[in-house]
Amino acid sequence: MTGSSDEVIAGMERDIEQSRRRMGETLDALQEKLSISSRARHAMDGLRETGARQMRSALNWSRENPQVTRVALIAVPLVIGLLLTHRLRRR
């Protein structure tokens, strides 16, 4: 009978140890999910992916529309230069 109760106790101790291990893993996962640095890292990863996707889209569009791209490459710096010149003259 003593051997049987020792086995029951050993089984209970194993169960308790497994429960502790699972709880520790759960707490670690929750801590990772709730940590500010982890959330910031995930947000930055999302922004990088979105930025890369937008850049690829813009490059593809510019390849499909080379005339518009050429006009924009000339017009945008010209407009910026005119705005800066106008602003500097007002001072």
Protein backbone atom coordinates (compact mmCIF):
# COMPACT_ATOMS: atom_id res chain seq x y z
CA MET A 1 0.00 0.00 0.00
CA THR A 2 2.90 2.35 0.75
CA GLY A 3 4.30 1.90 -2.75
CA SER A 4 0.95 2.85 -4.20
CA SER A 5 0.63 6.05 -2.16
CA ASP A 6 4.22 6.97 -3.05
CA GLU A 7 3.33 6.55 -6.72
CA VAL A 8 0.24 8.72 -6.29
CA ILE A 9 2.29 11.40 -4.58
CA ALA A 10 4.98 11.22 -7.28
CA GLY A 11 2.29 11.49 -9.96
CA MET A 12 0.78 14.50 -8.23
CA GLU A 13 4.20 16.14 -7.97
CA ARG A 14 4.77 15.57 -11.71
CA ASP A 15 1.37 17.07 -12.48
CA ILE A 16 2.13 20.08 -10.29
CA GLU A 17 5.52 20.57 -11.99
CA GLN A 18 3.92 20.34 -15.45
CA SER A 19 1.26 22.87 -14.41
CA ARG A 20 3.95 25.23 -13.12
CA ARG A 21 5.89 24.90 -16.38
CA ARG A 22 2.78 25.59 -18.48
CA MET A 23 1.86 28.57 -16.31
CA GLY A 24 5.39 29.94 -16.67
CA GLU A 25 5.21 29.58 -20.45
CA THR A 26 1.80 31.29 -20.47
CA LEU A 27 3.10 34.15 -18.33
CA ASP A 28 6.13 34.55 -20.59
CA ALA A 29 3.88 34.68 -23.66
CA LEU A 30 1.59 37.25 -22.03
CA GLN A 31 4.55 39.34 -20.94
CA GLU A 32 5.94 39.31 -24.50
CA LYS A 33 2.55 40.25 -25.92
CA LEU A 34 2.06 43.12 -23.50
CA SER A 35 5.59 44.53 -23.48
CA ILE A 36 5.95 47.95 -25.03
CA SER A 37 9.17 47.09 -26.84
CA SER A 38 7.57 44.01 -28.38
CA ARG A 39 4.52 45.97 -29.49
CA ALA A 40 6.73 48.71 -30.92
CA ARG A 41 8.83 46.12 -32.78
CA HIS A 42 5.70 44.57 -34.29
CA ALA A 43 4.41 48.02 -35.28
CA MET A 44 7.72 48.90 -36.94
CA ASP A 45 7.73 45.59 -38.81
CA GLY A 46 4.25 46.40 -40.11
CA LEU A 47 5.33 49.89 -41.16
CA ARG A 48 8.37 48.51 -42.97
CA GLU A 49 6.23 46.01 -44.85
CA THR A 50 3.70 48.70 -45.77
CA GLY A 51 6.44 51.11 -46.86
CA ALA A 52 8.13 48.46 -48.98
CA ARG A 53 4.82 47.51 -50.58
CA GLN A 54 4.05 51.19 -51.36
CA MET A 55 7.53 51.69 -52.83
CA ARG A 56 7.15 48.66 -55.10
CA SER A 57 3.75 49.92 -56.18
CA ALA A 58 5.13 53.38 -56.97
CA LEU A 59 8.05 51.92 -58.92
CA ASN A 60 5.75 49.67 -60.92
CA TRP A 61 3.46 52.60 -61.67
CA SER A 62 6.38 54.77 -62.79
CA ARG A 63 7.57 51.99 -65.13
CA GLU A 64 4.09 51.69 -66.60
CA ASN A 65 3.78 55.48 -67.03
CA PRO A 66 7.21 56.75 -68.07
CA GLN A 67 5.97 60.00 -69.64
CA VAL A 68 4.13 61.06 -66.51
CA THR A 69 7.14 60.11 -64.42
CA ARG A 70 9.44 62.28 -66.55
CA VAL A 71 7.09 65.26 -66.27
CA ALA A 72 6.86 64.79 -62.50
CA LEU A 73 10.65 64.57 -62.18
CA ILE A 74 10.91 67.93 -63.90
CA ALA A 75 7.84 69.63 -62.43
CA VAL A 76 8.22 68.75 -58.76
CA PRO A 77 11.70 70.26 -58.26
CA LEU A 78 10.64 73.27 -60.33
CA VAL A 79 7.58 73.90 -58.15
CA ILE A 80 9.62 73.43 -54.96
CA GLY A 81 12.22 75.88 -56.26
CA LEU A 82 9.56 78.45 -57.11
CA LEU A 83 7.95 78.10 -53.68
CA LEU A 84 11.29 78.49 -51.92
CA THR A 85 12.20 81.50 -54.05
CA HIS A 86 8.85 83.13 -53.34
CA ARG A 87 9.19 82.46 -49.64
CA LEU A 88 12.74 83.86 -49.49
CA ARG A 89 11.66 87.05 -51.31
CA ARG A 90 8.91 87.66 -48.74
CA ARG A 91 11.45 87.95 -45.92
